[in-house]
Amino acid sequence: MVPPERSQHRRHPTDGWFHSGDSGFLDEDGFLVVTGRIKELISCGALKFSPDEVDDVLQQHSDVAEAAAFAMPDHGAGG
């Protein structure tokens, strides 16, 4: 076992939290529900959303057979 001080997965030096890169929420029973990875999130200004959520919404439409959302740079918006 690797001692915590030598681990590459150290706690953040200023806030003490371990930043795993996962996103999620605590459900009504207090259980952690992991919903995805932060690096997979699409940023649009101040908004951040999961491409999986976009896919799910698009695929609910009867005229959509498949959907695959992904981020692309928007050079006009500074991206």
Protein backbone atom coordinates (compact mmCIF):
# COMPACT_ATOMS: atom_id res chain seq x y z
CA MET A 1 0.00 0.00 0.00
CA VAL A 2 1.29 3.47 -0.90
CA PRO A 3 1.39 6.02 1.93
CA PRO A 4 -1.05 8.92 1.31
CA GLU A 5 1.77 11.48 1.10
CA ARG A 6 3.34 9.55 -1.81
CA SER A 7 0.10 8.77 -3.62
CA GLN A 8 -0.72 10.53 -6.87
CA HIS A 9 -4.28 10.84 -5.50
CA ARG A 10 -3.56 13.37 -2.77
CA ARG A 11 -6.13 15.60 -1.22
CA HIS A 12 -6.37 19.12 -2.60
CA PRO A 13 -3.94 21.33 -0.63
CA THR A 14 -6.33 24.23 0.02
CA ASP A 15 -9.74 22.62 0.54
CA GLY A 16 -8.75 19.13 1.75
CA TRP A 17 -11.12 17.35 -0.64
CA PHE A 18 -10.08 14.52 -2.93
CA HIS A 19 -10.94 15.59 -6.48
CA SER A 20 -11.74 12.39 -8.37
CA GLY A 21 -13.00 14.00 -11.59
CA ASP A 22 -16.43 12.39 -11.14
CA SER A 23 -19.69 14.30 -11.02
CA GLY A 24 -22.76 13.26 -9.09
CA PHE A 25 -25.21 14.06 -6.32
CA LEU A 26 -26.49 12.75 -3.01
CA ASP A 27 -29.93 11.17 -3.35
CA GLU A 28 -32.77 11.55 -0.82
CA ASP A 29 -31.34 8.65 1.24
CA GLY A 30 -27.87 10.21 1.36
CA PHE A 31 -26.29 7.83 -1.14
CA LEU A 32 -23.80 9.17 -3.68
CA VAL A 33 -25.00 8.74 -7.26
CA VAL A 34 -22.17 9.12 -9.80
CA THR A 35 -23.50 10.55 -13.06
CA GLY A 36 -20.36 10.98 -15.15
CA ARG A 37 -16.95 12.55 -15.46
CA ILE A 38 -16.26 16.27 -15.15
CA LYS A 39 -13.95 16.22 -18.19
CA GLU A 40 -16.88 14.97 -20.27
CA LEU A 41 -18.96 18.05 -19.44
CA ILE A 42 -19.64 20.55 -22.19
CA SER A 43 -19.13 24.19 -21.22
CA CYS A 44 -21.27 26.88 -22.80
CA GLY A 45 -20.52 30.16 -21.09
CA ALA A 46 -21.42 29.71 -17.43
CA LEU A 47 -23.44 26.57 -18.19
CA LYS A 48 -22.04 23.06 -17.95
CA PHE A 49 -23.96 20.00 -19.05
CA SER A 50 -23.41 16.33 -19.77
CA PRO A 51 -23.47 15.11 -23.38
CA ASP A 52 -25.30 12.01 -22.09
CA GLU A 53 -28.18 14.21 -20.91
CA VAL A 54 -28.40 15.86 -24.34
CA ASP A 55 -28.38 12.42 -26.00
CA ASP A 56 -31.17 11.21 -23.71
CA VAL A 57 -33.39 14.21 -24.47
CA LEU A 58 -32.80 13.98 -28.23
CA GLN A 59 -33.51 10.25 -28.31
CA GLN A 60 -36.91 10.80 -26.72
CA HIS A 61 -38.06 12.40 -29.98
CA SER A 62 -39.70 9.92 -32.34
CA ASP A 63 -37.81 11.27 -35.39
CA VAL A 64 -34.36 10.76 -33.82
CA ALA A 65 -32.81 7.32 -34.33
CA GLU A 66 -29.43 8.02 -32.71
CA ALA A 67 -27.76 10.95 -31.00
CA ALA A 68 -24.19 11.73 -30.00
CA ALA A 69 -23.47 15.10 -28.40
CA PHE A 70 -19.89 16.30 -28.01
CA ALA A 71 -18.04 19.54 -27.43
CA MET A 72 -16.50 21.61 -30.22
CA PRO A 73 -14.49 24.82 -29.88
CA ASP A 74 -16.41 28.03 -30.54
CA HIS A 75 -13.71 30.49 -31.55
CA GLY A 76 -16.25 33.32 -31.60
CA ALA A 77 -16.99 32.68 -27.93
CA GLY A 78 -13.33 32.37 -27.00
CA GLY A 79 -13.22 28.58 -27.06
